[in-house]
mmCIF file of all heavy atoms, coordinates in Angstrom:
data_MODEL
# 
_entry.id   MODEL 
# 
loop_
_atom_site.group_PDB 
_atom_site.id 
_atom_site.type_symbol 
_atom_site.label_atom_id 
_atom_site.label_alt_id 
_atom_site.label_comp_id 
_atom_site.label_asym_id 
_atom_site.label_entity_id 
_atom_site.label_seq_id 
_atom_site.pdbx_PDB_ins_code 
_atom_site.Cartn_x 
_atom_site.Cartn_y 
_atom_site.Cartn_z 
_atom_site.occupancy 
_atom_site.B_iso_or_equiv 
_atom_site.pdbx_formal_charge 
_atom_site.auth_seq_id 
_atom_site.auth_comp_id 
_atom_site.auth_asym_id 
_atom_site.auth_atom_id 
_atom_site.pdbx_PDB_model_num 
ATOM 1   N N   . THR A 1 1  ? -4.718 -11.253 5.728   1.00 0.00 ? 1  THR A N   1 
ATOM 2   C CA  . THR A 1 1  ? -4.060 -10.756 4.521   1.00 0.00 ? 1  THR A CA  1 
ATOM 3   C C   . THR A 1 1  ? -4.800 -9.529  4.009   1.00 0.00 ? 1  THR A C   1 
ATOM 4   O O   . THR A 1 1  ? -5.997 -9.367  4.282   1.00 0.00 ? 1  THR A O   1 
ATOM 5   C CB  . THR A 1 1  ? -4.031 -11.811 3.408   1.00 0.00 ? 1  THR A CB  1 
ATOM 6   O OG1 . THR A 1 1  ? -5.385 -12.168 3.055   1.00 0.00 ? 1  THR A OG1 1 
ATOM 7   C CG2 . THR A 1 1  ? -3.298 -13.073 3.843   1.00 0.00 ? 1  THR A CG2 1 
ATOM 8   N N   . TRP A 1 2  ? -4.104 -8.694  3.286   1.00 0.00 ? 2  TRP A N   1 
ATOM 9   C CA  . TRP A 1 2  ? -4.735 -7.570  2.611   1.00 0.00 ? 2  TRP A CA  1 
ATOM 10  C C   . TRP A 1 2  ? -3.972 -7.271  1.333   1.00 0.00 ? 2  TRP A C   1 
ATOM 11  O O   . TRP A 1 2  ? -2.794 -7.611  1.190   1.00 0.00 ? 2  TRP A O   1 
ATOM 12  C CB  . TRP A 1 2  ? -4.871 -6.346  3.502   1.00 0.00 ? 2  TRP A CB  1 
ATOM 13  C CG  . TRP A 1 2  ? -3.647 -5.807  4.152   1.00 0.00 ? 2  TRP A CG  1 
ATOM 14  C CD1 . TRP A 1 2  ? -2.928 -4.715  3.780   1.00 0.00 ? 2  TRP A CD1 1 
ATOM 15  C CD2 . TRP A 1 2  ? -2.998 -6.315  5.318   1.00 0.00 ? 2  TRP A CD2 1 
ATOM 16  N NE1 . TRP A 1 2  ? -1.884 -4.519  4.634   1.00 0.00 ? 2  TRP A NE1 1 
ATOM 17  C CE2 . TRP A 1 2  ? -1.900 -5.481  5.589   1.00 0.00 ? 2  TRP A CE2 1 
ATOM 18  C CE3 . TRP A 1 2  ? -3.231 -7.403  6.170   1.00 0.00 ? 2  TRP A CE3 1 
ATOM 19  C CZ2 . TRP A 1 2  ? -1.054 -5.687  6.669   1.00 0.00 ? 2  TRP A CZ2 1 
ATOM 20  C CZ3 . TRP A 1 2  ? -2.391 -7.615  7.245   1.00 0.00 ? 2  TRP A CZ3 1 
ATOM 21  C CH2 . TRP A 1 2  ? -1.314 -6.767  7.484   1.00 0.00 ? 2  TRP A CH2 1 
ATOM 22  N N   . SER A 1 3  ? -4.674 -6.670  0.392   1.00 0.00 ? 3  SER A N   1 
ATOM 23  C CA  . SER A 1 3  ? -4.114 -6.463  -0.941  1.00 0.00 ? 3  SER A CA  1 
ATOM 24  C C   . SER A 1 3  ? -4.432 -5.059  -1.431  1.00 0.00 ? 3  SER A C   1 
ATOM 25  O O   . SER A 1 3  ? -5.365 -4.421  -0.942  1.00 0.00 ? 3  SER A O   1 
ATOM 26  C CB  . SER A 1 3  ? -4.711 -7.471  -1.929  1.00 0.00 ? 3  SER A CB  1 
ATOM 27  O OG  . SER A 1 3  ? -4.442 -8.800  -1.523  1.00 0.00 ? 3  SER A OG  1 
ATOM 28  N N   . LEU A 1 4  ? -3.648 -4.634  -2.397  1.00 0.00 ? 4  LEU A N   1 
ATOM 29  C CA  . LEU A 1 4  ? -3.854 -3.340  -3.037  1.00 0.00 ? 4  LEU A CA  1 
ATOM 30  C C   . LEU A 1 4  ? -3.861 -3.558  -4.540  1.00 0.00 ? 4  LEU A C   1 
ATOM 31  O O   . LEU A 1 4  ? -2.832 -3.936  -5.108  1.00 0.00 ? 4  LEU A O   1 
ATOM 32  C CB  . LEU A 1 4  ? -2.753 -2.362  -2.642  1.00 0.00 ? 4  LEU A CB  1 
ATOM 33  C CG  . LEU A 1 4  ? -2.901 -0.944  -3.187  1.00 0.00 ? 4  LEU A CG  1 
ATOM 34  C CD1 . LEU A 1 4  ? -4.056 -0.227  -2.494  1.00 0.00 ? 4  LEU A CD1 1 
ATOM 35  C CD2 . LEU A 1 4  ? -1.604 -0.162  -2.982  1.00 0.00 ? 4  LEU A CD2 1 
ATOM 36  N N   . GLN A 1 5  ? -5.005 -3.355  -5.155  1.00 0.00 ? 5  GLN A N   1 
ATOM 37  C CA  . GLN A 1 5  ? -5.111 -3.417  -6.603  1.00 0.00 ? 5  GLN A CA  1 
ATOM 38  C C   . GLN A 1 5  ? -4.853 -2.027  -7.157  1.00 0.00 ? 5  GLN A C   1 
ATOM 39  O O   . GLN A 1 5  ? -5.576 -1.085  -6.811  1.00 0.00 ? 5  GLN A O   1 
ATOM 40  C CB  . GLN A 1 5  ? -6.492 -3.918  -7.023  1.00 0.00 ? 5  GLN A CB  1 
ATOM 41  C CG  . GLN A 1 5  ? -6.707 -3.963  -8.513  1.00 0.00 ? 5  GLN A CG  1 
ATOM 42  C CD  . GLN A 1 5  ? -5.807 -4.979  -9.201  1.00 0.00 ? 5  GLN A CD  1 
ATOM 43  O OE1 . GLN A 1 5  ? -5.603 -6.076  -8.692  1.00 0.00 ? 5  GLN A OE1 1 
ATOM 44  N NE2 . GLN A 1 5  ? -5.269 -4.608  -10.354 1.00 0.00 ? 5  GLN A NE2 1 
ATOM 45  N N   . MET A 1 6  ? -3.848 -1.915  -8.012  1.00 0.00 ? 6  MET A N   1 
ATOM 46  C CA  . MET A 1 6  ? -3.452 -0.623  -8.555  1.00 0.00 ? 6  MET A CA  1 
ATOM 47  C C   . MET A 1 6  ? -3.694 -0.628  -10.059 1.00 0.00 ? 6  MET A C   1 
ATOM 48  O O   . MET A 1 6  ? -3.073 -1.423  -10.782 1.00 0.00 ? 6  MET A O   1 
ATOM 49  C CB  . MET A 1 6  ? -1.979 -0.351  -8.247  1.00 0.00 ? 6  MET A CB  1 
ATOM 50  C CG  . MET A 1 6  ? -1.649 -0.456  -6.766  1.00 0.00 ? 6  MET A CG  1 
ATOM 51  S SD  . MET A 1 6  ? 0.055  0.019   -6.391  1.00 0.00 ? 6  MET A SD  1 
ATOM 52  C CE  . MET A 1 6  ? 0.936  -1.340  -7.175  1.00 0.00 ? 6  MET A CE  1 
ATOM 53  N N   . ASN A 1 7  ? -4.586 0.219   -10.515 1.00 0.00 ? 7  ASN A N   1 
ATOM 54  C CA  . ASN A 1 7  ? -4.900 0.339   -11.927 1.00 0.00 ? 7  ASN A CA  1 
ATOM 55  C C   . ASN A 1 7  ? -4.520 1.724   -12.441 1.00 0.00 ? 7  ASN A C   1 
ATOM 56  O O   . ASN A 1 7  ? -4.316 2.650   -11.654 1.00 0.00 ? 7  ASN A O   1 
ATOM 57  C CB  . ASN A 1 7  ? -6.397 0.104   -12.155 1.00 0.00 ? 7  ASN A CB  1 
ATOM 58  C CG  . ASN A 1 7  ? -6.844 -1.280  -11.754 1.00 0.00 ? 7  ASN A CG  1 
ATOM 59  O OD1 . ASN A 1 7  ? -6.077 -2.244  -11.848 1.00 0.00 ? 7  ASN A OD1 1 
ATOM 60  N ND2 . ASN A 1 7  ? -8.084 -1.410  -11.305 1.00 0.00 ? 7  ASN A ND2 1 
ATOM 61  N N   . SER A 1 8  ? -4.443 1.825   -13.749 1.00 0.00 ? 8  SER A N   1 
ATOM 62  C CA  . SER A 1 8  ? -4.128 3.115   -14.388 1.00 0.00 ? 8  SER A CA  1 
ATOM 63  C C   . SER A 1 8  ? -2.896 3.747   -13.763 1.00 0.00 ? 8  SER A C   1 
ATOM 64  O O   . SER A 1 8  ? -2.898 4.932   -13.418 1.00 0.00 ? 8  SER A O   1 
ATOM 65  C CB  . SER A 1 8  ? -5.324 4.065   -14.279 1.00 0.00 ? 8  SER A CB  1 
ATOM 66  O OG  . SER A 1 8  ? -6.476 3.497   -14.851 1.00 0.00 ? 8  SER A OG  1 
ATOM 67  N N   . LEU A 1 9  ? -1.869 2.968   -13.637 1.00 0.00 ? 9  LEU A N   1 
ATOM 68  C CA  . LEU A 1 9  ? -0.658 3.435   -12.956 1.00 0.00 ? 9  LEU A CA  1 
ATOM 69  C C   . LEU A 1 9  ? 0.014  4.559   -13.734 1.00 0.00 ? 9  LEU A C   1 
ATOM 70  O O   . LEU A 1 9  ? 0.009  4.585   -14.976 1.00 0.00 ? 9  LEU A O   1 
ATOM 71  C CB  . LEU A 1 9  ? 0.301  2.277   -12.741 1.00 0.00 ? 9  LEU A CB  1 
ATOM 72  C CG  . LEU A 1 9  ? -0.087 1.356   -11.581 1.00 0.00 ? 9  LEU A CG  1 
ATOM 73  C CD1 . LEU A 1 9  ? 0.594  -0.001  -11.706 1.00 0.00 ? 9  LEU A CD1 1 
ATOM 74  C CD2 . LEU A 1 9  ? 0.266  2.009   -10.257 1.00 0.00 ? 9  LEU A CD2 1 
ATOM 75  N N   . LYS A 1 10 ? 0.584  5.465   -12.969 1.00 0.00 ? 10 LYS A N   1 
ATOM 76  C CA  . LYS A 1 10 ? 1.274  6.626   -13.532 1.00 0.00 ? 10 LYS A CA  1 
ATOM 77  C C   . LYS A 1 10 ? 2.727  6.600   -13.054 1.00 0.00 ? 10 LYS A C   1 
ATOM 78  O O   . LYS A 1 10 ? 3.048  5.976   -12.036 1.00 0.00 ? 10 LYS A O   1 
ATOM 79  C CB  . LYS A 1 10 ? 0.607  7.917   -13.051 1.00 0.00 ? 10 LYS A CB  1 
ATOM 80  C CG  . LYS A 1 10 ? -0.883 8.002   -13.322 1.00 0.00 ? 10 LYS A CG  1 
ATOM 81  C CD  . LYS A 1 10 ? -1.459 9.270   -12.700 1.00 0.00 ? 10 LYS A CD  1 
ATOM 82  C CE  . LYS A 1 10 ? -2.960 9.365   -12.923 1.00 0.00 ? 10 LYS A CE  1 
ATOM 83  N NZ  . LYS A 1 10 ? -3.532 10.590  -12.312 1.00 0.00 ? 10 LYS A NZ  1 
ATOM 84  N N   . SER A 1 11 ? 3.564  7.335   -13.757 1.00 0.00 ? 11 SER A N   1 
ATOM 85  C CA  . SER A 1 11 ? 4.976  7.373   -13.377 1.00 0.00 ? 11 SER A CA  1 
ATOM 86  C C   . SER A 1 11 ? 5.133  7.900   -11.943 1.00 0.00 ? 11 SER A C   1 
ATOM 87  O O   . SER A 1 11 ? 6.038  7.473   -11.220 1.00 0.00 ? 11 SER A O   1 
ATOM 88  C CB  . SER A 1 11 ? 5.768  8.223   -14.350 1.00 0.00 ? 11 SER A CB  1 
ATOM 89  O OG  . SER A 1 11 ? 5.231  9.531   -14.421 1.00 0.00 ? 11 SER A OG  1 
ATOM 90  N N   . GLU A 1 12 ? 4.237  8.796   -11.541 1.00 0.00 ? 12 GLU A N   1 
ATOM 91  C CA  . GLU A 1 12 ? 4.351  9.347   -10.186 1.00 0.00 ? 12 GLU A CA  1 
ATOM 92  C C   . GLU A 1 12 ? 3.940  8.363   -9.097  1.00 0.00 ? 12 GLU A C   1 
ATOM 93  O O   . GLU A 1 12 ? 4.060  8.667   -7.912  1.00 0.00 ? 12 GLU A O   1 
ATOM 94  C CB  . GLU A 1 12 ? 3.537  10.640  -10.046 1.00 0.00 ? 12 GLU A CB  1 
ATOM 95  C CG  . GLU A 1 12 ? 2.116  10.550  -10.528 1.00 0.00 ? 12 GLU A CG  1 
ATOM 96  C CD  . GLU A 1 12 ? 1.961  11.070  -11.956 1.00 0.00 ? 12 GLU A CD  1 
ATOM 97  O OE1 . GLU A 1 12 ? 2.805  10.722  -12.821 1.00 0.00 ? 12 GLU A OE1 1 
ATOM 98  O OE2 . GLU A 1 12 ? 0.974  11.811  -12.206 1.00 0.00 ? 12 GLU A OE2 1 
ATOM 99  N N   . ASP A 1 13 ? 3.458  7.191   -9.492  1.00 0.00 ? 13 ASP A N   1 
ATOM 100 C CA  . ASP A 1 13 ? 3.185  6.141   -8.518  1.00 0.00 ? 13 ASP A CA  1 
ATOM 101 C C   . ASP A 1 13 ? 4.438  5.341   -8.166  1.00 0.00 ? 13 ASP A C   1 
ATOM 102 O O   . ASP A 1 13 ? 4.416  4.487   -7.271  1.00 0.00 ? 13 ASP A O   1 
ATOM 103 C CB  . ASP A 1 13 ? 2.113  5.171   -9.045  1.00 0.00 ? 13 ASP A CB  1 
ATOM 104 C CG  . ASP A 1 13 ? 0.761  5.831   -9.213  1.00 0.00 ? 13 ASP A CG  1 
ATOM 105 O OD1 . ASP A 1 13 ? 0.357  6.609   -8.321  1.00 0.00 ? 13 ASP A OD1 1 
ATOM 106 O OD2 . ASP A 1 13 ? 0.105  5.562   -10.240 1.00 0.00 ? 13 ASP A OD2 1 
ATOM 107 N N   . THR A 1 14 ? 5.519  5.613   -8.881  1.00 0.00 ? 14 THR A N   1 
ATOM 108 C CA  . THR A 1 14 ? 6.776  4.917   -8.606  1.00 0.00 ? 14 THR A CA  1 
ATOM 109 C C   . THR A 1 14 ? 7.244  5.210   -7.184  1.00 0.00 ? 14 THR A C   1 
ATOM 110 O O   . THR A 1 14 ? 7.377  6.370   -6.789  1.00 0.00 ? 14 THR A O   1 
ATOM 111 C CB  . THR A 1 14 ? 7.853  5.339   -9.613  1.00 0.00 ? 14 THR A CB  1 
ATOM 112 O OG1 . THR A 1 14 ? 7.465  4.901   -10.911 1.00 0.00 ? 14 THR A OG1 1 
ATOM 113 C CG2 . THR A 1 14 ? 9.204  4.749   -9.247  1.00 0.00 ? 14 THR A CG2 1 
ATOM 114 N N   . ALA A 1 15 ? 7.463  4.154   -6.410  1.00 0.00 ? 15 ALA A N   1 
ATOM 115 C CA  . ALA A 1 15 ? 7.842  4.304   -5.008  1.00 0.00 ? 15 ALA A CA  1 
ATOM 116 C C   . ALA A 1 15 ? 8.089  2.923   -4.409  1.00 0.00 ? 15 ALA A C   1 
ATOM 117 O O   . ALA A 1 15 ? 7.786  1.900   -5.040  1.00 0.00 ? 15 ALA A O   1 
ATOM 118 C CB  . ALA A 1 15 ? 6.739  5.007   -4.223  1.00 0.00 ? 15 ALA A CB  1 
ATOM 119 N N   . VAL A 1 16 ? 8.594  2.926   -3.200  1.00 0.00 ? 16 VAL A N   1 
ATOM 120 C CA  . VAL A 1 16 ? 8.607  1.706   -2.408  1.00 0.00 ? 16 VAL A CA  1 
ATOM 121 C C   . VAL A 1 16 ? 7.299  1.675   -1.614  1.00 0.00 ? 16 VAL A C   1 
ATOM 122 O O   . VAL A 1 16 ? 6.958  2.657   -0.942  1.00 0.00 ? 16 VAL A O   1 
ATOM 123 C CB  . VAL A 1 16 ? 9.805  1.659   -1.451  1.00 0.00 ? 16 VAL A CB  1 
ATOM 124 C CG1 . VAL A 1 16 ? 9.745  0.393   -0.589  1.00 0.00 ? 16 VAL A CG1 1 
ATOM 125 C CG2 . VAL A 1 16 ? 11.115 1.694   -2.236  1.00 0.00 ? 16 VAL A CG2 1 
ATOM 126 N N   . TYR A 1 17 ? 6.590  0.573   -1.734  1.00 0.00 ? 17 TYR A N   1 
ATOM 127 C CA  . TYR A 1 17 ? 5.302  0.418   -1.069  1.00 0.00 ? 17 TYR A CA  1 
ATOM 128 C C   . TYR A 1 17 ? 5.466  -0.476  0.163   1.00 0.00 ? 17 TYR A C   1 
ATOM 129 O O   . TYR A 1 17 ? 6.093  -1.538  0.093   1.00 0.00 ? 17 TYR A O   1 
ATOM 130 C CB  . TYR A 1 17 ? 4.282  -0.180  -2.037  1.00 0.00 ? 17 TYR A CB  1 
ATOM 131 C CG  . TYR A 1 17 ? 3.784  0.821   -3.055  1.00 0.00 ? 17 TYR A CG  1 
ATOM 132 C CD1 . TYR A 1 17 ? 4.628  1.292   -4.059  1.00 0.00 ? 17 TYR A CD1 1 
ATOM 133 C CD2 . TYR A 1 17 ? 2.485  1.311   -2.998  1.00 0.00 ? 17 TYR A CD2 1 
ATOM 134 C CE1 . TYR A 1 17 ? 4.175  2.227   -4.977  1.00 0.00 ? 17 TYR A CE1 1 
ATOM 135 C CE2 . TYR A 1 17 ? 2.025  2.245   -3.917  1.00 0.00 ? 17 TYR A CE2 1 
ATOM 136 C CZ  . TYR A 1 17 ? 2.879  2.699   -4.903  1.00 0.00 ? 17 TYR A CZ  1 
ATOM 137 O OH  . TYR A 1 17 ? 2.430  3.625   -5.815  1.00 0.00 ? 17 TYR A OH  1 
ATOM 138 N N   . TYR A 1 18 ? 4.885  -0.028  1.259   1.00 0.00 ? 18 TYR A N   1 
ATOM 139 C CA  . TYR A 1 18 ? 4.988  -0.738  2.529   1.00 0.00 ? 18 TYR A CA  1 
ATOM 140 C C   . TYR A 1 18 ? 3.590  -1.133  3.012   1.00 0.00 ? 18 TYR A C   1 
ATOM 141 O O   . TYR A 1 18 ? 2.684  -0.283  3.037   1.00 0.00 ? 18 TYR A O   1 
ATOM 142 C CB  . TYR A 1 18 ? 5.622  0.140   3.596   1.00 0.00 ? 18 TYR A CB  1 
ATOM 143 C CG  . TYR A 1 18 ? 7.027  0.569   3.298   1.00 0.00 ? 18 TYR A CG  1 
ATOM 144 C CD1 . TYR A 1 18 ? 7.292  1.743   2.599   1.00 0.00 ? 18 TYR A CD1 1 
ATOM 145 C CD2 . TYR A 1 18 ? 8.114  -0.199  3.730   1.00 0.00 ? 18 TYR A CD2 1 
ATOM 146 C CE1 . TYR A 1 18 ? 8.584  2.149   2.327   1.00 0.00 ? 18 TYR A CE1 1 
ATOM 147 C CE2 . TYR A 1 18 ? 9.417  0.202   3.466   1.00 0.00 ? 18 TYR A CE2 1 
ATOM 148 C CZ  . TYR A 1 18 ? 9.647  1.380   2.766   1.00 0.00 ? 18 TYR A CZ  1 
ATOM 149 O OH  . TYR A 1 18 ? 10.933 1.768   2.504   1.00 0.00 ? 18 TYR A OH  1 
ATOM 150 N N   . CYS A 1 19 ? 3.440  -2.371  3.395   1.00 0.00 ? 19 CYS A N   1 
ATOM 151 C CA  . CYS A 1 19 ? 2.201  -2.712  4.077   1.00 0.00 ? 19 CYS A CA  1 
ATOM 152 C C   . CYS A 1 19 ? 2.364  -2.370  5.557   1.00 0.00 ? 19 CYS A C   1 
ATOM 153 O O   . CYS A 1 19 ? 3.468  -2.393  6.108   1.00 0.00 ? 19 CYS A O   1 
ATOM 154 C CB  . CYS A 1 19 ? 1.784  -4.163  3.858   1.00 0.00 ? 19 CYS A CB  1 
ATOM 155 S SG  . CYS A 1 19 ? 2.828  -5.423  4.576   1.00 0.00 ? 19 CYS A SG  1 
ATOM 156 N N   . GLN A 1 20 ? 1.258  -2.019  6.158   1.00 0.00 ? 20 GLN A N   1 
ATOM 157 C CA  . GLN A 1 20 ? 1.252  -1.523  7.529   1.00 0.00 ? 20 GLN A CA  1 
ATOM 158 C C   . GLN A 1 20 ? 0.077  -2.134  8.267   1.00 0.00 ? 20 GLN A C   1 
ATOM 159 O O   . GLN A 1 20 ? -0.970 -2.382  7.670   1.00 0.00 ? 20 GLN A O   1 
ATOM 160 C CB  . GLN A 1 20 ? 1.134  0.002   7.497   1.00 0.00 ? 20 GLN A CB  1 
ATOM 161 C CG  . GLN A 1 20 ? 0.945  0.671   8.840   1.00 0.00 ? 20 GLN A CG  1 
ATOM 162 C CD  . GLN A 1 20 ? -0.501 1.006   9.144   1.00 0.00 ? 20 GLN A CD  1 
ATOM 163 O OE1 . GLN A 1 20 ? -1.379 0.863   8.296   1.00 0.00 ? 20 GLN A OE1 1 
ATOM 164 N NE2 . GLN A 1 20 ? -0.771 1.411   10.361  1.00 0.00 ? 20 GLN A NE2 1 
ATOM 165 N N   . ALA A 1 21 ? 0.280  -2.355  9.555   1.00 0.00 ? 21 ALA A N   1 
ATOM 166 C CA  . ALA A 1 21 ? -0.810 -2.866  10.382  1.00 0.00 ? 21 ALA A CA  1 
ATOM 167 C C   . ALA A 1 21 ? -0.738 -2.225  11.760  1.00 0.00 ? 21 ALA A C   1 
ATOM 168 O O   . ALA A 1 21 ? 0.358  -1.980  12.281  1.00 0.00 ? 21 ALA A O   1 
ATOM 169 C CB  . ALA A 1 21 ? -0.721 -4.378  10.505  1.00 0.00 ? 21 ALA A CB  1 
ATOM 170 N N   . ARG A 1 22 ? -1.894 -1.937  12.314  1.00 0.00 ? 22 ARG A N   1 
ATOM 171 C CA  . ARG A 1 22 ? -1.972 -1.339  13.649  1.00 0.00 ? 22 ARG A CA  1 
ATOM 172 C C   . ARG A 1 22 ? -2.717 -2.298  14.563  1.00 0.00 ? 22 ARG A C   1 
ATOM 173 O O   . ARG A 1 22 ? -3.844 -2.707  14.263  1.00 0.00 ? 22 ARG A O   1 
ATOM 174 C CB  . ARG A 1 22 ? -2.699 -0.001  13.588  1.00 0.00 ? 22 ARG A CB  1 
ATOM 175 C CG  . ARG A 1 22 ? -2.883 0.672   14.944  1.00 0.00 ? 22 ARG A CG  1 
ATOM 176 C CD  . ARG A 1 22 ? -3.225 2.135   14.781  1.00 0.00 ? 22 ARG A CD  1 
ATOM 177 N NE  . ARG A 1 22 ? -2.109 2.869   14.212  1.00 0.00 ? 22 ARG A NE  1 
ATOM 178 C CZ  . ARG A 1 22 ? -2.180 4.168   13.896  1.00 0.00 ? 22 ARG A CZ  1 
ATOM 179 N NH1 . ARG A 1 22 ? -3.306 4.837   14.071  1.00 0.00 ? 22 ARG A NH1 1 
ATOM 180 N NH2 . ARG A 1 22 ? -1.131 4.787   13.399  1.00 0.00 ? 22 ARG A NH2 1 
ATOM 181 N N   . ASP A 1 23 ? -2.080 -2.627  15.696  1.00 0.00 ? 23 ASP A N   1 
ATOM 182 C CA  . ASP A 1 23 ? -2.732 -3.575  16.599  1.00 0.00 ? 23 ASP A CA  1 
ATOM 183 C C   . ASP A 1 23 ? -3.686 -2.860  17.545  1.00 0.00 ? 23 ASP A C   1 
ATOM 184 O O   . ASP A 1 23 ? -3.909 -1.642  17.437  1.00 0.00 ? 23 ASP A O   1 
ATOM 185 C CB  . ASP A 1 23 ? -1.688 -4.427  17.339  1.00 0.00 ? 23 ASP A CB  1 
ATOM 186 C CG  . ASP A 1 23 ? -0.857 -3.644  18.350  1.00 0.00 ? 23 ASP A CG  1 
ATOM 187 O OD1 . ASP A 1 23 ? -1.242 -2.507  18.703  1.00 0.00 ? 23 ASP A OD1 1 
ATOM 188 O OD2 . ASP A 1 23 ? 0.177  -4.171  18.787  1.00 0.00 ? 23 ASP A OD2 1 
ATOM 189 N N   . TRP A 1 24 ? -4.243 -3.605  18.480  1.00 0.00 ? 24 TRP A N   1 
ATOM 190 C CA  . TRP A 1 24 ? -5.274 -3.073  19.355  1.00 0.00 ? 24 TRP A CA  1 
ATOM 191 C C   . TRP A 1 24 ? -4.726 -2.130  20.420  1.00 0.00 ? 24 TRP A C   1 
ATOM 192 O O   . TRP A 1 24 ? -5.501 -1.484  21.137  1.00 0.00 ? 24 TRP A O   1 
ATOM 193 C CB  . TRP A 1 24 ? -6.038 -4.232  20.000  1.00 0.00 ? 24 TRP A CB  1 
ATOM 194 C CG  . TRP A 1 24 ? -6.618 -5.121  18.945  1.00 0.00 ? 24 TRP A CG  1 
ATOM 195 C CD1 . TRP A 1 24 ? -6.099 -6.282  18.471  1.00 0.00 ? 24 TRP A CD1 1 
ATOM 196 C CD2 . TRP A 1 24 ? -7.807 -4.867  18.176  1.00 0.00 ? 24 TRP A CD2 1 
ATOM 197 N NE1 . TRP A 1 24 ? -6.897 -6.789  17.469  1.00 0.00 ? 24 TRP A NE1 1 
ATOM 198 C CE2 . TRP A 1 24 ? -7.941 -5.955  17.271  1.00 0.00 ? 24 TRP A CE2 1 
ATOM 199 C CE3 . TRP A 1 24 ? -8.754 -3.854  18.174  1.00 0.00 ? 24 TRP A CE3 1 
ATOM 200 C CZ2 . TRP A 1 24 ? -9.003 -6.040  16.371  1.00 0.00 ? 24 TRP A CZ2 1 
ATOM 201 C CZ3 . TRP A 1 24 ? -9.814 -3.948  17.281  1.00 0.00 ? 24 TRP A CZ3 1 
ATOM 202 C CH2 . TRP A 1 24 ? -9.926 -5.025  16.396  1.00 0.00 ? 24 TRP A CH2 1 
ATOM 203 N N   . ASN A 1 25 ? -3.399 -2.038  20.510  1.00 0.00 ? 25 ASN A N   1 
ATOM 204 C CA  . ASN A 1 25 ? -2.752 -1.064  21.397  1.00 0.00 ? 25 ASN A CA  1 
ATOM 205 C C   . ASN A 1 25 ? -2.184 0.119   20.611  1.00 0.00 ? 25 ASN A C   1 
ATOM 206 O O   . ASN A 1 25 ? -1.351 0.868   21.146  1.00 0.00 ? 25 ASN A O   1 
ATOM 207 C CB  . ASN A 1 25 ? -1.624 -1.751  22.180  1.00 0.00 ? 25 ASN A CB  1 
ATOM 208 C CG  . ASN A 1 25 ? -2.158 -2.803  23.132  1.00 0.00 ? 25 ASN A CG  1 
ATOM 209 O OD1 . ASN A 1 25 ? -3.103 -2.559  23.882  1.00 0.00 ? 25 ASN A OD1 1 
ATOM 210 N ND2 . ASN A 1 25 ? -1.573 -3.986  23.100  1.00 0.00 ? 25 ASN A ND2 1 
ATOM 211 N N   . SER A 1 26 ? -2.636 0.252   19.355  1.00 0.00 ? 26 SER A N   1 
ATOM 212 C CA  . SER A 1 26 ? -2.201 1.339   18.465  1.00 0.00 ? 26 SER A CA  1 
ATOM 213 C C   . SER A 1 26 ? -0.719 1.289   18.133  1.00 0.00 ? 26 SER A C   1 
ATOM 214 O O   . SER A 1 26 ? -0.117 2.321   17.803  1.00 0.00 ? 26 SER A O   1 
ATOM 215 C CB  . SER A 1 26 ? -2.549 2.712   19.076  1.00 0.00 ? 26 SER A CB  1 
ATOM 216 O OG  . SER A 1 26 ? -3.944 2.847   19.206  1.00 0.00 ? 26 SER A OG  1 
# 
């Protein structure tokens, strides 16, 4: 698992956020 703590959010942070993972074969 992994997490993203977002503080002091701004209007320009508005977006769709995607988690991403890269395996050992890139």
